[in-house]
Amino acid sequence: MTQSVLSFTGAGRVASALCLGFFNSGIRINKIVSKTGKSSRILAGKCDAAWSHTLNFDQETDMIIVAVPDHLLQKVLFDIRCPENTIVAHTAGSFGLEVFPAHIKRSGVFYPLQTFTSGRKISFDNLPFFIEASDSETEKMLADMAELLGGKVHFTDGDRRKQIHLAAVFACNFTNHLLTVGKEITIKAGLDFSILEPLIKETVAKALELSPELSQTGPAIRNDQITLKKHLELLSFSQEFQDIYRSITQSIVKYYKTDK
């Protein structure tokens, strides 16, 4: 594969992880574009790239990766000015090719299925990358770039990718929020969150090894009304936590068709 010269629009968590991943894989980074000067200048310094606040790209850039918040994506894409042959790809899971304006001729989606946190190094080995493109040549280029990082390529259309993104919200974002609630309750009991670590690790390991629907335990799957009522009483300090508990309990009961 002929190595492409990349530029990035955005300097947040996703852009930083991908940019440094490519740079460490030997790819030249030409320019980092972001209106937040501090973060983008720091990122540019780490990968020997130029920094700019304007979305103008010349022939030197073969591919532009747009990693910006979803609410900014369409405006950023509309404002990009680049040669016709330059590939422009966004990293959003909830948008497809429909967001690209007509003046961008070679477009694509380069969606890594992972959660990114500032300052935390991510391994791209076998990481799923969901690829979609305007043409076969662009598709191959994006796939090659994902494989260069060590990722595993999946070719999907926008509808399927949106479903994967939704699944990721349940599996990652919602799960993390429930862990946050668990931490607050643990602290309220005068204990440290670390006491839950063995349980959390076994829960995830079991779900991956056995499949999550075969790994469910607890009072909801047993429809243990005595325990369920006690838990709701213990949560009397937070109406919000009670609502979460009731909603998830009802979902588990319904999923496993436990007699009420």
Protein backbone atom coordinates (compact mmCIF):
# COMPACT_ATOMS: atom_id res chain seq x y z
CA MET A 1 0.00 0.00 0.00
CA THR A 2 1.24 3.49 -0.83
CA GLN A 3 1.30 5.36 2.43
CA SER A 4 -1.06 8.32 2.51
CA VAL A 5 -0.39 11.71 4.05
CA LEU A 6 -3.11 12.46 6.59
CA SER A 7 -4.63 15.59 8.05
CA PHE A 8 -7.12 15.77 10.89
CA THR A 9 -10.04 18.01 11.64
CA GLY A 10 -10.59 17.91 15.38
CA ALA A 11 -8.17 17.37 18.24
CA GLY A 12 -10.33 15.63 20.82
CA ARG A 13 -10.18 12.10 22.18
CA VAL A 14 -10.89 10.20 18.94
CA ALA A 15 -8.75 12.45 16.76
CA SER A 16 -5.84 12.29 19.21
CA ALA A 17 -5.93 8.50 19.49
CA LEU A 18 -6.11 7.96 15.73
CA CYS A 19 -3.58 10.66 14.92
CA LEU A 20 -0.98 9.31 17.34
CA GLY A 21 -1.76 5.76 16.27
CA PHE A 22 -1.05 6.59 12.64
CA PHE A 23 1.99 8.69 13.48
CA ASN A 24 3.48 5.84 15.53
CA SER A 25 2.80 3.51 12.58
CA GLY A 26 4.96 5.65 10.31
CA ILE A 27 2.26 7.71 8.61
CA ARG A 28 3.02 11.36 7.98
CA ILE A 29 0.55 13.80 9.55
CA ASN A 30 0.40 17.03 7.59
CA LYS A 31 -1.99 19.28 9.48
CA ILE A 32 -4.28 19.40 12.50
CA VAL A 33 -7.24 21.76 12.17
CA SER A 34 -9.20 22.84 15.20
CA LYS A 35 -10.69 26.05 16.55
CA THR A 36 -9.54 25.12 20.06
CA GLY A 37 -5.93 26.16 19.60
CA LYS A 38 -4.38 24.71 22.74
CA SER A 39 -5.37 21.05 22.32
CA SER A 40 -4.72 21.01 18.59
CA ARG A 41 -1.31 22.65 18.93
CA ILE A 42 -0.31 20.10 21.56
CA LEU A 43 -1.44 17.26 19.29
CA ALA A 44 0.31 18.78 16.29
CA GLY A 45 3.52 19.00 18.29
CA LYS A 46 3.32 15.32 19.21
CA CYS A 47 3.07 14.23 15.58
CA ASP A 48 5.30 16.80 13.87
CA ALA A 49 2.34 18.38 12.09
CA ALA A 50 1.31 21.92 11.33
CA TRP A 51 -1.62 23.53 13.13
CA SER A 52 -4.37 25.61 11.57
CA HIS A 53 -7.83 26.95 12.35
CA THR A 54 -8.88 27.06 8.69
CA LEU A 55 -10.40 24.12 6.83
CA ASN A 56 -8.38 24.58 3.66
CA PHE A 57 -6.29 21.62 2.49
CA ASP A 58 -3.89 21.48 -0.45
CA GLN A 59 -2.55 18.64 -2.63
CA GLU A 60 -0.15 17.58 0.11
CA THR A 61 -2.95 15.90 2.07
CA ASP A 62 -4.26 12.62 0.60
CA MET A 63 -6.85 11.95 3.29
CA ILE A 64 -8.67 14.11 5.84
CA ILE A 65 -10.11 12.41 8.89
CA VAL A 66 -12.89 14.44 10.47
CA ALA A 67 -13.27 13.58 14.16
CA VAL A 68 -15.51 16.25 15.67
CA PRO A 69 -18.63 16.17 17.89
CA ASP A 70 -21.73 15.02 16.02
CA HIS A 71 -23.49 18.38 16.26
CA LEU A 72 -20.58 20.06 14.45
CA LEU A 73 -20.06 17.43 11.77
CA GLN A 74 -22.22 18.76 8.93
CA LYS A 75 -20.96 22.33 9.24
CA VAL A 76 -17.32 21.21 9.34
CA LEU A 77 -17.79 19.02 6.27
CA PHE A 78 -19.52 21.86 4.43
CA ASP A 79 -16.65 24.24 5.22
CA ILE A 80 -13.84 21.91 4.11
CA ARG A 81 -12.05 22.93 0.94
CA CYS A 82 -9.77 20.36 -0.64
CA PRO A 83 -8.74 18.96 -4.05
CA GLU A 84 -11.27 16.66 -5.76
CA ASN A 85 -9.12 13.59 -5.29
CA THR A 86 -8.66 14.07 -1.54
CA ILE A 87 -10.51 11.52 0.60
CA VAL A 88 -12.60 12.98 3.41
CA ALA A 89 -13.82 10.51 6.04
CA HIS A 90 -15.66 11.09 9.29
CA THR A 91 -15.51 8.91 12.41
CA ALA A 92 -19.13 9.18 13.58
CA GLY A 93 -21.11 6.02 14.19
CA SER A 94 -24.51 7.66 13.92
CA PHE A 95 -24.04 9.32 10.51
CA GLY A 96 -23.36 7.95 7.05
CA LEU A 97 -22.45 9.30 3.65
CA GLU A 98 -25.58 11.43 3.51
CA VAL A 99 -23.91 14.19 5.57
CA PHE A 100 -21.29 14.97 2.93
CA PRO A 101 -21.87 18.04 0.75
CA ALA A 102 -21.68 17.74 -3.04
CA HIS A 103 -18.31 19.44 -3.36
CA ILE A 104 -16.60 16.54 -1.52
CA LYS A 105 -16.22 13.91 -4.25
CA ARG A 106 -14.46 11.11 -2.34
CA SER A 107 -16.17 10.50 0.99
CA GLY A 108 -16.18 7.78 3.60
CA VAL A 109 -16.89 6.64 7.13
CA PHE A 110 -14.02 5.46 9.32
CA TYR A 111 -15.74 4.43 12.57
CA PRO A 112 -13.68 2.72 15.29
CA LEU A 113 -15.88 0.81 17.73
CA GLN A 114 -14.20 1.85 20.95
CA THR A 115 -14.50 4.24 23.87
CA PHE A 116 -11.80 6.89 24.02
CA THR A 117 -10.61 8.79 27.09
CA SER A 118 -8.05 11.58 27.18
CA GLY A 119 -4.65 10.42 28.41
CA ARG A 120 -5.51 6.73 28.09
CA LYS A 121 -3.62 4.76 25.44
CA ILE A 122 -5.77 2.57 23.22
CA SER A 123 -4.65 -0.58 21.45
CA PHE A 124 -6.00 -0.83 17.91
CA ASP A 125 -5.11 -4.52 17.57
CA ASN A 126 -8.22 -6.35 16.31
CA LEU A 127 -10.32 -3.28 17.02
CA PRO A 128 -13.43 -3.26 14.78
CA PHE A 129 -13.43 -0.49 12.18
CA PHE A 130 -16.68 0.04 10.30
CA ILE A 131 -16.01 1.29 6.79
CA GLU A 132 -18.29 2.82 4.17
CA ALA A 133 -17.23 4.83 1.12
CA SER A 134 -18.43 6.64 -1.96
CA ASP A 135 -16.46 4.36 -4.30
CA SER A 136 -14.44 1.15 -4.27
CA GLU A 137 -11.04 2.85 -4.43
CA THR A 138 -11.82 5.03 -1.43
CA GLU A 139 -13.20 2.01 0.41
CA LYS A 140 -9.95 0.11 -0.14
CA MET A 141 -7.86 3.07 1.03
CA LEU A 142 -9.86 3.37 4.24
CA ALA A 143 -9.66 -0.38 4.84
CA ASP A 144 -5.90 -0.32 4.29
CA MET A 145 -5.54 2.48 6.83
CA ALA A 146 -7.55 0.57 9.43
CA GLU A 147 -5.48 -2.56 8.87
CA LEU A 148 -2.28 -0.53 9.18
CA LEU A 149 -3.32 0.24 12.75
CA GLY A 150 -3.98 -3.45 13.35
CA GLY A 151 -7.74 -3.08 13.19
CA LYS A 152 -10.32 -5.54 11.89
CA VAL A 153 -12.31 -4.15 8.97
CA HIS A 154 -16.09 -4.48 8.60
CA PHE A 155 -17.84 -3.11 5.53
CA THR A 156 -21.29 -1.90 6.54
CA ASP A 157 -23.89 0.52 5.30
CA GLY A 158 -25.19 3.41 7.36
CA ASP A 159 -28.27 1.64 8.74
CA ARG A 160 -26.30 -1.29 10.16
CA ARG A 161 -23.60 0.97 11.55
CA LYS A 162 -26.21 3.10 13.34
CA GLN A 163 -27.53 -0.06 14.99
CA ILE A 164 -23.98 -0.99 16.06
CA HIS A 165 -23.55 2.50 17.49
CA LEU A 166 -26.79 2.08 19.44
CA ALA A 167 -25.63 -1.30 20.74
CA ALA A 168 -22.38 0.33 21.84
CA VAL A 169 -24.30 2.95 23.82
CA PHE A 170 -26.03 0.19 25.78
CA ALA A 171 -22.92 -1.96 26.21
CA CYS A 172 -20.55 0.89 27.08
CA ASN A 173 -22.16 4.21 28.02
CA PHE A 174 -25.14 2.85 29.92
CA THR A 175 -23.03 0.19 31.62
CA ASN A 176 -20.54 2.82 32.73
CA HIS A 177 -23.33 4.97 34.17
CA LEU A 178 -24.64 1.98 36.14
CA LEU A 179 -21.12 1.47 37.50
CA THR A 180 -21.17 5.13 38.54
CA VAL A 181 -24.45 4.55 40.41
CA GLY A 182 -22.95 1.43 41.99
CA LYS A 183 -19.95 3.49 43.10
CA GLU A 184 -22.18 6.13 44.72
CA ILE A 185 -24.12 3.48 46.65
CA THR A 186 -20.88 1.80 47.73
CA ILE A 187 -19.50 5.11 49.02
CA LYS A 188 -22.81 5.77 50.81
CA ALA A 189 -22.24 2.45 52.60
CA GLY A 190 -18.83 3.73 53.75
CA LEU A 191 -16.83 1.42 51.49
CA ASP A 192 -14.48 1.82 48.54
CA PHE A 193 -15.53 1.21 44.94
CA SER A 194 -12.65 -1.27 44.59
CA ILE A 195 -14.64 -3.91 46.50
CA LEU A 196 -16.77 -4.30 43.37
CA GLU A 197 -13.78 -4.92 41.10
CA PRO A 198 -13.77 -8.77 41.25
CA LEU A 199 -17.53 -8.80 40.62
CA ILE A 200 -17.26 -6.40 37.67
CA LYS A 201 -14.41 -8.37 36.09
CA GLU A 202 -16.24 -11.68 36.45
CA THR A 203 -19.48 -10.19 35.10
CA VAL A 204 -17.76 -8.98 31.92
CA ALA A 205 -15.65 -12.13 31.50
CA LYS A 206 -18.70 -14.36 31.92
CA ALA A 207 -20.77 -12.32 29.46
CA LEU A 208 -18.03 -12.61 26.83
CA GLU A 209 -17.39 -16.31 27.42
CA LEU A 210 -20.94 -17.59 27.89
CA SER A 211 -23.00 -14.84 26.21
CA PRO A 212 -24.72 -12.17 28.33
CA GLU A 213 -28.25 -13.56 28.15
CA LEU A 214 -26.98 -16.86 29.61
CA SER A 215 -25.08 -15.11 32.40
CA GLN A 216 -27.87 -13.15 34.08
CA THR A 217 -28.24 -13.60 37.83
CA GLY A 218 -29.82 -11.60 40.63
CA PRO A 219 -33.24 -10.92 42.18
CA ALA A 220 -34.91 -9.69 38.97
CA ILE A 221 -34.43 -12.92 37.01
CA ARG A 222 -35.80 -14.81 40.04
CA ASN A 223 -38.59 -12.26 40.43
CA ASP A 224 -37.69 -12.10 44.11
CA GLN A 225 -40.23 -9.49 45.16
CA ILE A 226 -39.06 -9.35 48.78
CA THR A 227 -35.51 -8.42 47.80
CA LEU A 228 -36.67 -6.08 45.04
CA LYS A 229 -38.85 -4.12 47.49
CA LYS A 230 -36.00 -3.93 50.03
CA HIS A 231 -33.69 -2.53 47.38
CA LEU A 232 -36.22 0.13 46.42
CA GLU A 233 -36.53 1.12 50.08
CA LEU A 234 -32.74 1.43 50.34
CA LEU A 235 -32.83 3.72 47.31
CA SER A 236 -35.32 6.08 48.95
CA PHE A 237 -32.57 8.72 49.06
CA SER A 238 -32.74 9.02 45.23
CA GLN A 239 -35.91 8.98 43.13
CA GLU A 240 -33.70 8.85 40.04
CA PHE A 241 -31.91 5.68 41.19
CA GLN A 242 -35.26 4.11 42.12
CA ASP A 243 -36.55 4.79 38.61
CA ILE A 244 -33.45 3.24 37.04
CA TYR A 245 -33.79 0.19 39.31
CA ARG A 246 -37.49 -0.27 38.48
CA SER A 247 -36.96 0.16 34.73
CA ILE A 248 -34.09 -2.33 34.45
CA THR A 249 -35.82 -4.81 36.78
CA GLN A 250 -38.96 -4.73 34.64
CA SER A 251 -36.88 -5.21 31.50
CA ILE A 252 -35.11 -8.26 32.97
CA VAL A 253 -38.38 -9.77 34.17
CA LYS A 254 -39.97 -9.29 30.76
CA TYR A 255 -36.93 -10.57 28.84
CA TYR A 256 -36.82 -13.82 30.81
CA LYS A 257 -40.63 -14.03 31.07
CA THR A 258 -40.47 -14.55 34.82
CA ASP A 259 -43.88 -15.03 36.40
CA LYS A 260 -44.96 -11.85 38.15
